[in-house]
Amino acid sequence: MEVRAQAKNTGTSPRKVRLVIDLVRGKKVDEALDTLRFVPSPAAKIVSGVIKSAAANAEKNFNLPSADLKISKIFADGAPMMKRYRPKSRGRAGSIHKRSSHLTVIVTEQERYGT
């Protein structure tokens, strides 16, 4: 059973979020949250919130125990960016792109062997 959670239009660029995502891909939910607790990036707080939301969705909607959940897929896509202009020398304008991202986490129940 795949359970999904999304965070849309986060104020962090996809490139910065992907650095944090790569640390937790394929891990168990509890292990991933422990890892993210010690990551100094502000994106780690966003990622951990979405992982907690996916785990809560699995517990509430499908009665899956959180101890058996594993992050099967996690990815960050680009969201609409704000485009701004900044004055440059000799009367020119330089463009600034303030990027944001959509974060998706899919958790599945990990199969237990020997039970």
N, C-alpha and C. Protein backbone atom coordinates (compact mmCIF):
# COMPACT_ATOMS: atom_id res chain seq x y z
N MET A 1 0.85 -1.17 0.00
CA MET A 1 0.00 0.00 0.00
C MET A 1 0.89 1.24 0.00
N GLU A 2 0.72 2.08 -0.98
CA GLU A 2 1.49 3.31 -1.08
C GLU A 2 0.67 4.46 -0.50
N VAL A 3 1.29 5.21 0.38
CA VAL A 3 0.63 6.37 1.00
C VAL A 3 1.46 7.60 0.67
N ARG A 4 0.79 8.67 0.28
CA ARG A 4 1.47 9.86 -0.25
C ARG A 4 1.18 11.08 0.61
N ALA A 5 2.18 11.97 0.64
CA ALA A 5 2.00 13.29 1.24
C ALA A 5 2.77 14.30 0.40
N GLN A 6 2.24 15.50 0.27
CA GLN A 6 2.87 16.52 -0.56
C GLN A 6 2.94 17.85 0.19
N ALA A 7 3.99 18.59 -0.12
CA ALA A 7 4.09 19.99 0.32
C ALA A 7 4.29 20.81 -0.94
N LYS A 8 3.40 21.73 -1.18
CA LYS A 8 3.47 22.50 -2.42
C LYS A 8 3.96 23.91 -2.14
N ASN A 9 4.67 24.46 -3.10
CA ASN A 9 5.14 25.83 -3.07
C ASN A 9 5.98 26.15 -1.83
N THR A 10 6.89 25.26 -1.50
CA THR A 10 7.80 25.55 -0.40
C THR A 10 8.74 26.66 -0.83
N GLY A 11 9.22 27.43 0.09
CA GLY A 11 10.04 28.58 -0.25
C GLY A 11 11.50 28.26 -0.50
N THR A 12 11.83 26.99 -0.71
CA THR A 12 13.20 26.56 -0.91
C THR A 12 13.35 26.02 -2.32
N SER A 13 14.49 26.25 -2.93
CA SER A 13 14.70 25.80 -4.30
C SER A 13 14.82 24.28 -4.34
N PRO A 14 14.43 23.66 -5.47
CA PRO A 14 14.49 22.20 -5.57
C PRO A 14 15.91 21.65 -5.40
N ARG A 15 16.89 22.39 -5.83
CA ARG A 15 18.27 21.93 -5.74
C ARG A 15 18.69 21.78 -4.27
N LYS A 16 18.30 22.72 -3.43
CA LYS A 16 18.65 22.65 -2.01
C LYS A 16 17.89 21.54 -1.30
N VAL A 17 16.64 21.32 -1.71
CA VAL A 17 15.84 20.27 -1.09
C VAL A 17 16.36 18.90 -1.50
N ARG A 18 16.82 18.75 -2.73
CA ARG A 18 17.32 17.46 -3.20
C ARG A 18 18.56 17.01 -2.44
N LEU A 19 19.37 17.96 -1.98
CA LEU A 19 20.54 17.60 -1.18
C LEU A 19 20.12 16.90 0.11
N VAL A 20 19.03 17.36 0.70
CA VAL A 20 18.54 16.76 1.94
C VAL A 20 17.81 15.45 1.65
N ILE A 21 17.05 15.42 0.57
CA ILE A 21 16.27 14.24 0.21
C ILE A 21 17.18 13.03 -0.02
N ASP A 22 18.33 13.26 -0.62
CA ASP A 22 19.23 12.15 -0.93
C ASP A 22 19.74 11.46 0.34
N LEU A 23 19.69 12.13 1.48
CA LEU A 23 20.14 11.53 2.73
C LEU A 23 19.15 10.50 3.26
N VAL A 24 17.87 10.63 2.94
CA VAL A 24 16.85 9.78 3.55
C VAL A 24 16.17 8.83 2.58
N ARG A 25 16.48 8.88 1.32
CA ARG A 25 15.80 8.03 0.34
C ARG A 25 16.04 6.55 0.64
N GLY A 26 14.96 5.77 0.73
CA GLY A 26 15.06 4.34 0.95
C GLY A 26 15.15 3.92 2.41
N LYS A 27 15.18 4.85 3.35
CA LYS A 27 15.31 4.51 4.76
C LYS A 27 13.94 4.30 5.40
N LYS A 28 13.94 3.70 6.59
CA LYS A 28 12.72 3.60 7.37
C LYS A 28 12.36 4.99 7.88
N VAL A 29 11.09 5.22 8.16
CA VAL A 29 10.61 6.55 8.55
C VAL A 29 11.28 7.02 9.84
N ASP A 30 11.37 6.15 10.84
CA ASP A 30 11.98 6.54 12.11
C ASP A 30 13.45 6.90 11.93
N GLU A 31 14.13 6.11 11.13
CA GLU A 31 15.56 6.35 10.87
C GLU A 31 15.76 7.65 10.10
N ALA A 32 14.88 7.93 9.15
CA ALA A 32 14.98 9.15 8.35
C ALA A 32 14.76 10.39 9.23
N LEU A 33 13.79 10.33 10.12
CA LEU A 33 13.52 11.48 11.00
C LEU A 33 14.68 11.72 11.96
N ASP A 34 15.31 10.64 12.43
CA ASP A 34 16.49 10.80 13.28
C ASP A 34 17.63 11.45 12.53
N THR A 35 17.81 11.08 11.26
CA THR A 35 18.86 11.66 10.44
C THR A 35 18.60 13.15 10.21
N LEU A 36 17.36 13.49 9.89
CA LEU A 36 17.03 14.88 9.57
C LEU A 36 17.11 15.80 10.78
N ARG A 37 17.00 15.24 11.97
CA ARG A 37 17.06 16.06 13.17
C ARG A 37 18.42 16.76 13.31
N PHE A 38 19.47 16.16 12.75
CA PHE A 38 20.82 16.69 12.91
C PHE A 38 21.37 17.34 11.64
N VAL A 39 20.54 17.52 10.63
CA VAL A 39 20.97 18.20 9.40
C VAL A 39 20.75 19.70 9.59
N PRO A 40 21.78 20.52 9.40
CA PRO A 40 21.65 21.95 9.70
C PRO A 40 20.89 22.76 8.66
N SER A 41 20.44 22.17 7.57
CA SER A 41 19.77 22.91 6.51
C SER A 41 18.31 23.22 6.90
N PRO A 42 17.81 24.41 6.55
CA PRO A 42 16.38 24.71 6.79
C PRO A 42 15.46 23.80 5.99
N ALA A 43 15.94 23.24 4.88
CA ALA A 43 15.12 22.33 4.09
C ALA A 43 14.84 21.03 4.83
N ALA A 44 15.67 20.68 5.80
CA ALA A 44 15.47 19.44 6.56
C ALA A 44 14.18 19.50 7.37
N LYS A 45 13.82 20.67 7.85
CA LYS A 45 12.59 20.84 8.61
C LYS A 45 11.37 20.62 7.72
N ILE A 46 11.44 21.10 6.49
CA ILE A 46 10.34 20.92 5.53
C ILE A 46 10.19 19.45 5.18
N VAL A 47 11.31 18.79 4.89
CA VAL A 47 11.30 17.39 4.50
C VAL A 47 10.78 16.52 5.65
N SER A 48 11.22 16.80 6.87
CA SER A 48 10.76 15.99 8.00
C SER A 48 9.26 16.18 8.24
N GLY A 49 8.76 17.37 8.01
CA GLY A 49 7.32 17.59 8.17
C GLY A 49 6.50 16.79 7.18
N VAL A 50 6.97 16.68 5.95
CA VAL A 50 6.23 15.92 4.94
C VAL A 50 6.32 14.43 5.23
N ILE A 51 7.47 13.97 5.72
CA ILE A 51 7.61 12.56 6.08
C ILE A 51 6.68 12.22 7.24
N LYS A 52 6.60 13.10 8.23
CA LYS A 52 5.69 12.88 9.35
C LYS A 52 4.24 12.85 8.88
N SER A 53 3.91 13.70 7.92
CA SER A 53 2.56 13.75 7.38
C SER A 53 2.21 12.46 6.65
N ALA A 54 3.16 11.93 5.87
CA ALA A 54 2.91 10.67 5.15
C ALA A 54 2.73 9.52 6.13
N ALA A 55 3.53 9.50 7.19
CA ALA A 55 3.40 8.45 8.20
C ALA A 55 2.06 8.56 8.93
N ALA A 56 1.64 9.78 9.23
CA ALA A 56 0.35 9.98 9.89
C ALA A 56 -0.81 9.57 8.98
N ASN A 57 -0.69 9.86 7.68
CA ASN A 57 -1.72 9.44 6.72
C ASN A 57 -1.83 7.92 6.69
N ALA A 58 -0.68 7.23 6.74
CA ALA A 58 -0.69 5.77 6.69
C ALA A 58 -1.32 5.19 7.96
N GLU A 59 -1.03 5.78 9.11
CA GLU A 59 -1.60 5.29 10.36
C GLU A 59 -3.09 5.54 10.44
N LYS A 60 -3.49 6.75 10.10
CA LYS A 60 -4.89 7.16 10.26
C LYS A 60 -5.81 6.51 9.22
N ASN A 61 -5.40 6.54 7.95
CA ASN A 61 -6.29 6.11 6.88
C ASN A 61 -6.23 4.62 6.58
N PHE A 62 -5.05 3.99 6.79
CA PHE A 62 -4.89 2.60 6.38
C PHE A 62 -4.49 1.68 7.54
N ASN A 63 -4.42 2.19 8.77
CA ASN A 63 -4.08 1.41 9.96
C ASN A 63 -2.75 0.67 9.82
N LEU A 64 -1.77 1.32 9.22
CA LEU A 64 -0.44 0.73 9.10
C LEU A 64 0.41 1.21 10.27
N PRO A 65 1.15 0.31 10.92
CA PRO A 65 2.01 0.74 12.03
C PRO A 65 3.19 1.56 11.53
N SER A 66 3.50 2.63 12.22
CA SER A 66 4.56 3.52 11.76
C SER A 66 5.94 2.89 11.84
N ALA A 67 6.10 1.87 12.67
CA ALA A 67 7.40 1.21 12.79
C ALA A 67 7.76 0.42 11.54
N ASP A 68 6.75 0.04 10.75
CA ASP A 68 7.00 -0.77 9.55
C ASP A 68 7.07 0.05 8.27
N LEU A 69 6.98 1.37 8.36
CA LEU A 69 6.93 2.20 7.16
C LEU A 69 8.32 2.52 6.64
N LYS A 70 8.44 2.52 5.31
CA LYS A 70 9.70 2.80 4.64
C LYS A 70 9.44 3.84 3.55
N ILE A 71 10.39 4.75 3.35
CA ILE A 71 10.26 5.75 2.29
C ILE A 71 10.61 5.08 0.97
N SER A 72 9.61 4.86 0.13
CA SER A 72 9.87 4.17 -1.13
C SER A 72 10.24 5.17 -2.23
N LYS A 73 9.55 6.30 -2.26
CA LYS A 73 9.86 7.34 -3.25
C LYS A 73 9.82 8.69 -2.56
N ILE A 74 10.75 9.54 -2.93
CA ILE A 74 10.75 10.91 -2.43
C ILE A 74 11.41 11.77 -3.49
N PHE A 75 10.75 12.85 -3.87
CA PHE A 75 11.31 13.70 -4.91
C PHE A 75 10.82 15.14 -4.76
N ALA A 76 11.60 16.06 -5.32
CA ALA A 76 11.28 17.48 -5.30
C ALA A 76 11.23 17.98 -6.74
N ASP A 77 10.13 18.57 -7.11
CA ASP A 77 9.96 19.13 -8.45
C ASP A 77 9.92 20.65 -8.35
N GLY A 78 10.18 21.28 -9.46
CA GLY A 78 10.13 22.74 -9.50
C GLY A 78 8.70 23.25 -9.42
N ALA A 79 8.51 24.35 -8.75
CA ALA A 79 7.21 25.00 -8.63
C ALA A 79 7.32 26.36 -9.35
N PRO A 80 6.23 27.09 -9.47
CA PRO A 80 6.33 28.40 -10.10
C PRO A 80 7.33 29.30 -9.38
N MET A 81 8.14 30.00 -10.16
CA MET A 81 9.14 30.88 -9.54
C MET A 81 8.75 32.34 -9.70
N MET A 82 9.12 33.12 -8.69
CA MET A 82 8.88 34.55 -8.76
C MET A 82 10.02 35.18 -9.55
N LYS A 83 9.69 36.01 -10.49
CA LYS A 83 10.72 36.66 -11.31
C LYS A 83 10.80 38.12 -10.92
N ARG A 84 11.99 38.54 -10.59
CA ARG A 84 12.24 39.91 -10.17
C ARG A 84 13.39 40.47 -11.00
N TYR A 85 13.50 41.79 -11.01
CA TYR A 85 14.59 42.44 -11.72
C TYR A 85 15.36 43.34 -10.79
N ARG A 86 16.66 43.37 -10.98
CA ARG A 86 17.54 44.17 -10.15
C ARG A 86 18.35 45.09 -11.07
N PRO A 87 18.47 46.35 -10.72
CA PRO A 87 19.23 47.25 -11.58
C PRO A 87 20.71 46.87 -11.62
N LYS A 88 21.26 46.94 -12.81
CA LYS A 88 22.68 46.66 -13.01
C LYS A 88 23.34 47.91 -13.58
N SER A 89 24.60 47.80 -13.83
CA SER A 89 25.34 48.97 -14.31
C SER A 89 24.94 49.34 -15.74
N ARG A 90 25.17 50.58 -16.08
CA ARG A 90 24.93 51.14 -17.42
C ARG A 90 23.47 51.02 -17.84
N GLY A 91 22.55 51.14 -16.88
CA GLY A 91 21.13 51.20 -17.20
C GLY A 91 20.50 49.87 -17.54
N ARG A 92 21.16 48.79 -17.26
CA ARG A 92 20.61 47.48 -17.60
C ARG A 92 19.86 46.89 -16.41
N ALA A 93 19.19 45.79 -16.66
CA ALA A 93 18.47 45.10 -15.60
C ALA A 93 18.87 43.63 -15.62
N GLY A 94 19.12 43.09 -14.45
CA GLY A 94 19.44 41.67 -14.33
C GLY A 94 18.27 40.93 -13.70
N SER A 95 17.96 39.76 -14.22
CA SER A 95 16.81 39.03 -13.70
C SER A 95 17.20 38.17 -12.50
N ILE A 96 16.28 38.06 -11.56
CA ILE A 96 16.45 37.22 -10.38
C ILE A 96 15.28 36.25 -10.35
N HIS A 97 15.58 34.97 -10.21
CA HIS A 97 14.54 33.94 -10.14
C HIS A 97 14.51 33.39 -8.72
N LYS A 98 13.42 33.63 -8.01
CA LYS A 98 13.25 33.09 -6.67
C LYS A 98 12.49 31.79 -6.80
N ARG A 99 13.22 30.69 -6.69
CA ARG A 99 12.66 29.38 -6.98
C ARG A 99 11.94 28.79 -5.76
N SER A 100 10.95 27.96 -6.05
CA SER A 100 10.26 27.22 -5.01
C SER A 100 10.06 25.79 -5.52
N SER A 101 9.60 24.91 -4.65
CA SER A 101 9.53 23.50 -5.04
C SER A 101 8.27 22.83 -4.49
N HIS A 102 7.90 21.73 -5.14
CA HIS A 102 6.86 20.82 -4.68
C HIS A 102 7.58 19.57 -4.18
N LEU A 103 7.28 19.15 -2.97
CA LEU A 103 7.93 17.99 -2.37
C LEU A 103 6.91 16.87 -2.21
N THR A 104 7.25 15.66 -2.67
CA THR A 104 6.36 14.51 -2.59
C THR A 104 7.07 13.36 -1.89
N VAL A 105 6.38 12.75 -0.93
CA VAL A 105 6.92 11.59 -0.21
C VAL A 105 5.90 10.47 -0.32
N ILE A 106 6.37 9.27 -0.71
CA ILE A 106 5.52 8.09 -0.78
C ILE A 106 6.13 7.03 0.14
N VAL A 107 5.34 6.58 1.10
CA VAL A 107 5.81 5.54 2.03
C VAL A 107 5.03 4.26 1.78
N THR A 108 5.70 3.14 2.00
CA THR A 108 5.08 1.83 1.87
C THR A 108 5.37 1.01 3.12
N GLU A 109 4.59 -0.02 3.28
CA GLU A 109 4.82 -0.91 4.42
C GLU A 109 5.95 -1.85 4.07
N GLN A 110 6.94 -1.90 4.95
CA GLN A 110 8.08 -2.77 4.72
C GLN A 110 7.71 -4.20 5.07
N GLU A 111 8.07 -5.12 4.20
CA GLU A 111 7.73 -6.52 4.45
C GLU A 111 8.60 -7.07 5.57
N ARG A 112 7.97 -7.77 6.48
CA ARG A 112 8.70 -8.38 7.59
C ARG A 112 8.89 -9.86 7.26
N TYR A 113 10.12 -10.30 7.32
CA TYR A 113 10.43 -11.69 7.04
C TYR A 113 10.45 -12.48 8.33
N GLY A 114 9.97 -13.71 8.27
CA GLY A 114 10.01 -14.59 9.43
C GLY A 114 8.82 -14.46 10.35
N THR A 115 7.78 -13.75 9.94
CA THR A 115 6.60 -13.68 10.80
C THR A 115 5.39 -14.22 10.10
